[in-house]
Amino acid sequence: MVAHVSLRWLHRGAPGPQWQAGCGVAHLGARSIALRAALFDAGRCVALCDSVMVIIDRESRRSAALSDATRALFAPYRLR
């Protein structure tokens, strides 16, 4: 389930001729995953987006712990 999304523009203006985007895992919690994306124009960061996903157990409809397999899948994409 998407628990939170935020978008922050650092510099506004007309779109450049070639934007670049990057994303990664900002945080692996016990029951959630925080992802961060950034948009760049000529090497300058113009926007950041953070989103938090919470793992939900379908039967109880409550948050559930991340499995070791899920952690292993996301680990290579962790941001420094």
PDB file of N, CA and C in Angstrom:
ATOM      1  N   MET A   1       0.840  -1.154   0.000  1.00  0.00           N
ATOM      2  CA  MET A   1       0.000   0.000   0.000  1.00  0.00           C
ATOM      3  C   MET A   1       0.897   1.233   0.000  1.00  0.00           C
ATOM      4  N   VAL A   2       0.535   2.238  -0.778  1.00  0.00           N
ATOM      5  CA  VAL A   2       1.273   3.494  -0.760  1.00  0.00           C
ATOM      6  C   VAL A   2       0.799   4.280   0.457  1.00  0.00           C
ATOM      7  N   ALA A   3       1.723   4.538   1.379  1.00  0.00           N
ATOM      8  CA  ALA A   3       1.364   5.216   2.618  1.00  0.00           C
ATOM      9  C   ALA A   3       1.626   6.719   2.553  1.00  0.00           C
ATOM     10  N   HIS A   4       2.608   7.133   1.726  1.00  0.00           N
ATOM     11  CA  HIS A   4       2.964   8.551   1.675  1.00  0.00           C
ATOM     12  C   HIS A   4       3.693   8.851   0.371  1.00  0.00           C
ATOM     13  N   VAL A   5       3.399   9.983  -0.221  1.00  0.00           N
ATOM     14  CA  VAL A   5       4.121  10.457  -1.404  1.00  0.00           C
ATOM     15  C   VAL A   5       4.350  11.953  -1.249  1.00  0.00           C
ATOM     16  N   SER A   6       5.565  12.400  -1.529  1.00  0.00           N
ATOM     17  CA  SER A   6       5.834  13.836  -1.527  1.00  0.00           C
ATOM     18  C   SER A   6       6.678  14.182  -2.747  1.00  0.00           C
ATOM     19  N   LEU A   7       6.407  15.338  -3.302  1.00  0.00           N
ATOM     20  CA  LEU A   7       7.150  15.845  -4.450  1.00  0.00           C
ATOM     21  C   LEU A   7       7.604  17.254  -4.102  1.00  0.00           C
ATOM     22  N   ARG A   8       8.888  17.494  -4.279  1.00  0.00           N
ATOM     23  CA  ARG A   8       9.437  18.810  -3.948  1.00  0.00           C
ATOM     24  C   ARG A   8      10.219  19.334  -5.148  1.00  0.00           C
ATOM     25  N   TRP A   9       9.770  20.460  -5.702  1.00  0.00           N
ATOM     26  CA  TRP A   9      10.496  21.111  -6.779  1.00  0.00           C
ATOM     27  C   TRP A   9      11.548  22.014  -6.162  1.00  0.00           C
ATOM     28  N   LEU A  10      12.798  21.842  -6.546  1.00  0.00           N
ATOM     29  CA  LEU A  10      13.893  22.656  -6.031  1.00  0.00           C
ATOM     30  C   LEU A  10      14.160  23.853  -6.931  1.00  0.00           C
ATOM     31  N   HIS A  11      13.934  23.678  -8.233  1.00  0.00           N
ATOM     32  CA  HIS A  11      14.114  24.742  -9.223  1.00  0.00           C
ATOM     33  C   HIS A  11      13.009  24.589 -10.254  1.00  0.00           C
ATOM     34  N   ARG A  12      12.247  25.643 -10.466  1.00  0.00           N
ATOM     35  CA  ARG A  12      11.177  25.596 -11.467  1.00  0.00           C
ATOM     36  C   ARG A  12      11.605  26.365 -12.704  1.00  0.00           C
ATOM     37  N   GLY A  13      11.123  25.924 -13.817  1.00  0.00           N
ATOM     38  CA  GLY A  13      11.408  26.596 -15.070  1.00  0.00           C
ATOM     39  C   GLY A  13      10.952  25.733 -16.220  1.00  0.00           C
ATOM     40  N   ALA A  14      11.238  26.200 -17.409  1.00  0.00           N
ATOM     41  CA  ALA A  14      10.880  25.428 -18.596  1.00  0.00           C
ATOM     42  C   ALA A  14      11.708  24.153 -18.641  1.00  0.00           C
ATOM     43  N   PRO A  15      11.119  23.057 -19.099  1.00  0.00           N
ATOM     44  CA  PRO A  15      11.882  21.807 -19.182  1.00  0.00           C
ATOM     45  C   PRO A  15      13.095  21.965 -20.101  1.00  0.00           C
ATOM     46  N   GLY A  16      14.189  21.384 -19.679  1.00  0.00           N
ATOM     47  CA  GLY A  16      15.401  21.405 -20.482  1.00  0.00           C
ATOM     48  C   GLY A  16      15.288  20.455 -21.667  1.00  0.00           C
ATOM     49  N   PRO A  17      16.252  20.502 -22.584  1.00  0.00           N
ATOM     50  CA  PRO A  17      16.177  19.636 -23.757  1.00  0.00           C
ATOM     51  C   PRO A  17      16.351  18.152 -23.427  1.00  0.00           C
ATOM     52  N   GLN A  18      17.013  17.864 -22.315  1.00  0.00           N
ATOM     53  CA  GLN A  18      17.233  16.458 -21.969  1.00  0.00           C
ATOM     54  C   GLN A  18      17.329  16.314 -20.450  1.00  0.00           C
ATOM     55  N   TRP A  19      16.249  15.880 -19.834  1.00  0.00           N
ATOM     56  CA  TRP A  19      16.258  15.643 -18.397  1.00  0.00           C
ATOM     57  C   TRP A  19      16.727  14.225 -18.122  1.00  0.00           C
ATOM     58  N   GLN A  20      17.274  14.031 -16.929  1.00  0.00           N
ATOM     59  CA  GLN A  20      17.658  12.698 -16.480  1.00  0.00           C
ATOM     60  C   GLN A  20      16.960  12.424 -15.159  1.00  0.00           C
ATOM     61  N   ALA A  21      16.624  11.162 -14.937  1.00  0.00           N
ATOM     62  CA  ALA A  21      15.968  10.760 -13.693  1.00  0.00           C
ATOM     63  C   ALA A  21      16.753   9.614 -13.074  1.00  0.00           C
ATOM     64  N   GLY A  22      16.731   9.573 -11.767  1.00  0.00           N
ATOM     65  CA  GLY A  22      17.361   8.481 -11.032  1.00  0.00           C
ATOM     66  C   GLY A  22      16.478   8.099  -9.871  1.00  0.00           C
ATOM     67  N   CYS A  23      16.577   6.850  -9.442  1.00  0.00           N
ATOM     68  CA  CYS A  23      15.781   6.426  -8.295  1.00  0.00           C
ATOM     69  C   CYS A  23      16.499   5.298  -7.557  1.00  0.00           C
ATOM     70  N   GLY A  24      16.087   5.099  -6.332  1.00  0.00           N
ATOM     71  CA  GLY A  24      16.664   4.043  -5.525  1.00  0.00           C
ATOM     72  C   GLY A  24      15.908   3.891  -4.220  1.00  0.00           C
ATOM     73  N   VAL A  25      16.356   2.955  -3.418  1.00  0.00           N
ATOM     74  CA  VAL A  25      15.739   2.670  -2.121  1.00  0.00           C
ATOM     75  C   VAL A  25      16.416   3.538  -1.074  1.00  0.00           C
ATOM     76  N   ALA A  26      15.666   4.458  -0.495  1.00  0.00           N
ATOM     77  CA  ALA A  26      16.201   5.350   0.526  1.00  0.00           C
ATOM     78  C   ALA A  26      16.256   4.677   1.896  1.00  0.00           C
ATOM     79  N   HIS A  27      15.288   3.772   2.155  1.00  0.00           N
ATOM     80  CA  HIS A  27      15.240   3.127   3.477  1.00  0.00           C
ATOM     81  C   HIS A  27      14.464   1.814   3.374  1.00  0.00           C
ATOM     82  N   LEU A  28      14.997   0.792   4.010  1.00  0.00           N
ATOM     83  CA  LEU A  28      14.284  -0.477   4.170  1.00  0.00           C
ATOM     84  C   LEU A  28      13.935  -0.609   5.651  1.00  0.00           C
ATOM     85  N   GLY A  29      12.670  -0.437   5.963  1.00  0.00           N
ATOM     86  CA  GLY A  29      12.247  -0.563   7.352  1.00  0.00           C
ATOM     87  C   GLY A  29      11.806  -1.983   7.655  1.00  0.00           C
ATOM     88  N   ALA A  30      11.290  -2.171   8.835  1.00  0.00           N
ATOM     89  CA  ALA A  30      10.814  -3.500   9.231  1.00  0.00           C
ATOM     90  C   ALA A  30       9.561  -3.878   8.453  1.00  0.00           C
ATOM     91  N   ARG A  31       8.705  -2.876   8.149  1.00  0.00           N
ATOM     92  CA  ARG A  31       7.430  -3.131   7.492  1.00  0.00           C
ATOM     93  C   ARG A  31       7.176  -2.216   6.294  1.00  0.00           C
ATOM     94  N   SER A  32       8.196  -1.443   5.914  1.00  0.00           N
ATOM     95  CA  SER A  32       7.995  -0.493   4.827  1.00  0.00           C
ATOM     96  C   SER A  32       9.265  -0.312   3.994  1.00  0.00           C
ATOM     97  N   ILE A  33       9.060   0.259   2.806  1.00  0.00           N
ATOM     98  CA  ILE A  33      10.150   0.564   1.888  1.00  0.00           C
ATOM     99  C   ILE A  33       9.970   2.015   1.466  1.00  0.00           C
ATOM    100  N   ALA A  34      11.018   2.819   1.608  1.00  0.00           N
ATOM    101  CA  ALA A  34      10.980   4.210   1.166  1.00  0.00           C
ATOM    102  C   ALA A  34      11.812   4.343  -0.102  1.00  0.00           C
ATOM    103  N   LEU A  35      11.180   4.845  -1.159  1.00  0.00           N
ATOM    104  CA  LEU A  35      11.848   5.037  -2.436  1.00  0.00           C
ATOM    105  C   LEU A  35      12.062   6.526  -2.676  1.00  0.00           C
ATOM    106  N   ARG A  36      13.172   6.874  -3.314  1.00  0.00           N
ATOM    107  CA  ARG A  36      13.453   8.269  -3.655  1.00  0.00           C
ATOM    108  C   ARG A  36      13.779   8.353  -5.131  1.00  0.00           C
ATOM    109  N   ALA A  37      13.210   9.345  -5.790  1.00  0.00           N
ATOM    110  CA  ALA A  37      13.506   9.625  -7.194  1.00  0.00           C
ATOM    111  C   ALA A  37      13.947  11.075  -7.297  1.00  0.00           C
ATOM    112  N   ALA A  38      14.825  11.352  -8.242  1.00  0.00           N
ATOM    113  CA  ALA A  38      15.310  12.715  -8.467  1.00  0.00           C
ATOM    114  C   ALA A  38      15.315  12.994  -9.954  1.00  0.00           C
ATOM    115  N   LEU A  39      15.024  14.238 -10.303  1.00  0.00           N
ATOM    116  CA  LEU A  39      15.008  14.685 -11.685  1.00  0.00           C
ATOM    117  C   LEU A  39      16.110  15.729 -11.857  1.00  0.00           C
ATOM    118  N   PHE A  40      16.937  15.556 -12.886  1.00  0.00           N
ATOM    119  CA  PHE A  40      18.090  16.427 -13.104  1.00  0.00           C
ATOM    120  C   PHE A  40      17.994  17.114 -14.457  1.00  0.00           C
ATOM    121  N   ASP A  41      18.436  18.365 -14.492  1.00  0.00           N
ATOM    122  CA  ASP A  41      18.533  19.134 -15.727  1.00  0.00           C
ATOM    123  C   ASP A  41      19.955  19.680 -15.814  1.00  0.00           C
ATOM    124  N   ALA A  42      20.720  19.185 -16.764  1.00  0.00           N
ATOM    125  CA  ALA A  42      22.122  19.595 -16.951  1.00  0.00           C
ATOM    126  C   ALA A  42      22.937  19.408 -15.665  1.00  0.00           C
ATOM    127  N   GLY A  43      22.704  18.295 -14.986  1.00  0.00           N
ATOM    128  CA  GLY A  43      23.459  17.973 -13.779  1.00  0.00           C
ATOM    129  C   GLY A  43      22.944  18.616 -12.509  1.00  0.00           C
ATOM    130  N   ARG A  44      21.949  19.459 -12.594  1.00  0.00           N
ATOM    131  CA  ARG A  44      21.383  20.129 -11.415  1.00  0.00           C
ATOM    132  C   ARG A  44      20.079  19.446 -11.029  1.00  0.00           C
ATOM    133  N   CYS A  45      19.957  19.083  -9.764  1.00  0.00           N
ATOM    134  CA  CYS A  45      18.737  18.435  -9.275  1.00  0.00           C
ATOM    135  C   CYS A  45      17.617  19.473  -9.233  1.00  0.00           C
ATOM    136  N   VAL A  46      16.526  19.185  -9.953  1.00  0.00           N
ATOM    137  CA  VAL A  46      15.409  20.125 -10.006  1.00  0.00           C
ATOM    138  C   VAL A  46      14.187  19.650  -9.213  1.00  0.00           C
ATOM    139  N   ALA A  47      14.109  18.348  -8.921  1.00  0.00           N
ATOM    140  CA  ALA A  47      12.956  17.851  -8.168  1.00  0.00           C
ATOM    141  C   ALA A  47      13.297  16.545  -7.459  1.00  0.00           C
ATOM    142  N   LEU A  48      12.664  16.351  -6.304  1.00  0.00           N
ATOM    143  CA  LEU A  48      12.791  15.108  -5.530  1.00  0.00           C
ATOM    144  C   LEU A  48      11.403  14.560  -5.240  1.00  0.00           C
ATOM    145  N   CYS A  49      11.281  13.254  -5.290  1.00  0.00           N
ATOM    146  CA  CYS A  49      10.018  12.597  -4.957  1.00  0.00           C
ATOM    147  C   CYS A  49      10.318  11.447  -4.003  1.00  0.00           C
ATOM    148  N   ASP A  50       9.653  11.429  -2.877  1.00  0.00           N
ATOM    149  CA  ASP A  50       9.781  10.335  -1.917  1.00  0.00           C
ATOM    150  C   ASP A  50       8.440   9.632  -1.795  1.00  0.00           C
ATOM    151  N   SER A  51       8.478   8.308  -1.748  1.00  0.00           N
ATOM    152  CA  SER A  51       7.256   7.543  -1.530  1.00  0.00           C
ATOM    153  C   SER A  51       7.553   6.390  -0.577  1.00  0.00           C
ATOM    154  N   VAL A  52       6.601   6.143   0.296  1.00  0.00           N
ATOM    155  CA  VAL A  52       6.728   5.083   1.292  1.00  0.00           C
ATOM    156  C   VAL A  52       5.655   4.045   1.013  1.00  0.00           C
ATOM    157  N   MET A  53       6.096   2.799   0.851  1.00  0.00           N
ATOM    158  CA  MET A  53       5.189   1.693   0.641  1.00  0.00           C
ATOM    159  C   MET A  53       5.204   0.812   1.895  1.00  0.00           C
ATOM    160  N   VAL A  54       4.028   0.429   2.344  1.00  0.00           N
ATOM    161  CA  VAL A  54       3.898  -0.426   3.518  1.00  0.00           C
ATOM    162  C   VAL A  54       3.384  -1.787   3.055  1.00  0.00           C
ATOM    163  N   ILE A  55       4.005  -2.839   3.546  1.00  0.00           N
ATOM    164  CA  ILE A  55       3.586  -4.201   3.225  1.00  0.00           C
ATOM    165  C   ILE A  55       2.334  -4.520   4.050  1.00  0.00           C
ATOM    166  N   ILE A  56       1.292  -5.006   3.376  1.00  0.00           N
ATOM    167  CA  ILE A  56       0.021  -5.295   4.047  1.00  0.00           C
ATOM    168  C   ILE A  56      -0.294  -6.791   3.953  1.00  0.00           C
ATOM    169  N   ASP A  57      -0.676  -7.365   5.080  1.00  0.00           N
ATOM    170  CA  ASP A  57      -1.153  -8.748   5.106  1.00  0.00           C
ATOM    171  C   ASP A  57      -2.604  -8.737   4.612  1.00  0.00           C
ATOM    172  N   ARG A  58      -2.894  -9.510   3.588  1.00  0.00           N
ATOM    173  CA  ARG A  58      -4.230  -9.480   2.982  1.00  0.00           C
ATOM    174  C   ARG A  58      -5.331  -9.969   3.913  1.00  0.00           C
ATOM    175  N   GLU A  59      -5.022 -10.941   4.747  1.00  0.00           N
ATOM    176  CA  GLU A  59      -6.061 -11.495   5.621  1.00  0.00           C
ATOM    177  C   GLU A  59      -6.378 -10.571   6.788  1.00  0.00           C
ATOM    178  N   SER A  60      -5.339 -10.112   7.490  1.00  0.00           N
ATOM    179  CA  SER A  60      -5.567  -9.274   8.672  1.00  0.00           C
ATOM    180  C   SER A  60      -5.741  -7.794   8.319  1.00  0.00           C
ATOM    181  N   ARG A  61      -5.321  -7.408   7.092  1.00  0.00           N
ATOM    182  CA  ARG A  61      -5.370  -6.024   6.640  1.00  0.00           C
ATOM    183  C   ARG A  61      -4.536  -5.096   7.518  1.00  0.00           C
ATOM    184  N   ARG A  62      -3.467  -5.662   8.074  1.00  0.00           N
ATOM    185  CA  ARG A  62      -2.527  -4.891   8.897  1.00  0.00           C
ATOM    186  C   ARG A  62      -1.156  -4.955   8.251  1.00  0.00           C
ATOM    187  N   SER A  63      -0.285  -4.058   8.699  1.00  0.00           N
ATOM    188  CA  SER A  63       1.066  -4.076   8.145  1.00  0.00           C
ATOM    189  C   SER A  63       1.767  -5.382   8.507  1.00  0.00           C
ATOM    190  N   ALA A  64       2.645  -5.829   7.615  1.00  0.00           N
ATOM    191  CA  ALA A  64       3.368  -7.084   7.805  1.00  0.00           C
ATOM    192  C   ALA A  64       4.860  -6.836   7.651  1.00  0.00           C
ATOM    193  N   ALA A  65       5.653  -7.702   8.220  1.00  0.00           N
ATOM    194  CA  ALA A  65       7.109  -7.577   8.143  1.00  0.00           C
ATOM    195  C   ALA A  65       7.605  -7.901   6.738  1.00  0.00           C
ATOM    196  N   LEU A  66       8.649  -7.181   6.316  1.00  0.00           N
ATOM    197  CA  LEU A  66       9.303  -7.494   5.036  1.00  0.00           C
ATOM    198  C   LEU A  66       9.979  -8.847   5.148  1.00  0.00           C
ATOM    199  N   SER A  67       9.824  -9.665   4.137  1.00  0.00           N
ATOM    200  CA  SER A  67      10.497 -10.972   4.157  1.00  0.00           C
ATOM    201  C   SER A  67      11.975 -10.795   3.805  1.00  0.00           C
ATOM    202  N   ASP A  68      12.770 -11.776   4.149  1.00  0.00           N
ATOM    203  CA  ASP A  68      14.192 -11.751   3.788  1.00  0.00           C
ATOM    204  C   ASP A  68      14.368 -11.735   2.276  1.00  0.00           C
ATOM    205  N   ALA A  69      13.501 -12.424   1.555  1.00  0.00           N
ATOM    206  CA  ALA A  69      13.577 -12.444   0.090  1.00  0.00           C
ATOM    207  C   ALA A  69      13.313 -11.052  -0.479  1.00  0.00           C
ATOM    208  N   THR A  70      12.346 -10.330   0.079  1.00  0.00           N
ATOM    209  CA  THR A  70      12.057  -8.973  -0.377  1.00  0.00           C
ATOM    210  C   THR A  70      13.229  -8.055  -0.087  1.00  0.00           C
ATOM    211  N   ARG A  71      13.791  -8.171   1.109  1.00  0.00           N
ATOM    212  CA  ARG A  71      14.969  -7.363   1.461  1.00  0.00           C
ATOM    213  C   ARG A  71      16.121  -7.615   0.491  1.00  0.00           C
ATOM    214  N   ALA A  72      16.324  -8.867   0.140  1.00  0.00           N
ATOM    215  CA  ALA A  72      17.410  -9.224  -0.772  1.00  0.00           C
ATOM    216  C   ALA A  72      17.181  -8.628  -2.161  1.00  0.00           C
ATOM    217  N   LEU A  73      15.916  -8.577  -2.604  1.00  0.00           N
ATOM    218  CA  LEU A  73      15.606  -8.002  -3.910  1.00  0.00           C
ATOM    219  C   LEU A  73      15.879  -6.500  -3.959  1.00  0.00           C
ATOM    220  N   PHE A  74      15.573  -5.793  -2.882  1.00  0.00           N
ATOM    221  CA  PHE A  74      15.732  -4.347  -2.854  1.00  0.00           C
ATOM    222  C   PHE A  74      17.132  -3.879  -2.443  1.00  0.00           C
ATOM    223  N   ALA A  75      17.884  -4.709  -1.765  1.00  0.00           N
ATOM    224  CA  ALA A  75      19.200  -4.322  -1.238  1.00  0.00           C
ATOM    225  C   ALA A  75      20.159  -3.738  -2.287  1.00  0.00           C
ATOM    226  N   PRO A  76      20.269  -4.276  -3.494  1.00  0.00           N
ATOM    227  CA  PRO A  76      21.205  -3.714  -4.467  1.00  0.00           C
ATOM    228  C   PRO A  76      20.848  -2.283  -4.913  1.00  0.00           C
ATOM    229  N   TYR A  77      19.642  -1.839  -4.649  1.00  0.00           N
ATOM    230  CA  TYR A  77      19.205  -0.526  -5.104  1.00  0.00           C
ATOM    231  C   TYR A  77      19.224   0.528  -3.995  1.00  0.00           C
ATOM    232  N   ARG A  78      19.807   0.195  -2.843  1.00  0.00           N
ATOM    233  CA  ARG A  78      19.864   1.148  -1.727  1.00  0.00           C
ATOM    234  C   ARG A  78      20.744   2.321  -2.084  1.00  0.00           C
ATOM    235  N   LEU A  79      20.287   3.509  -1.727  1.00  0.00           N
ATOM    236  CA  LEU A  79      21.048   4.723  -1.954  1.00  0.00           C
ATOM    237  C   LEU A  79      22.079   4.903  -0.836  1.00  0.00           C
ATOM    238  N   ARG A  80      23.174   5.516  -1.181  1.00  0.00           N
ATOM    239  CA  ARG A  80      24.210   5.771  -0.155  1.00  0.00           C
ATOM    240  C   ARG A  80      23.917   7.007   0.613  1.00  0.00           C
TER     241      ARG A  80
END
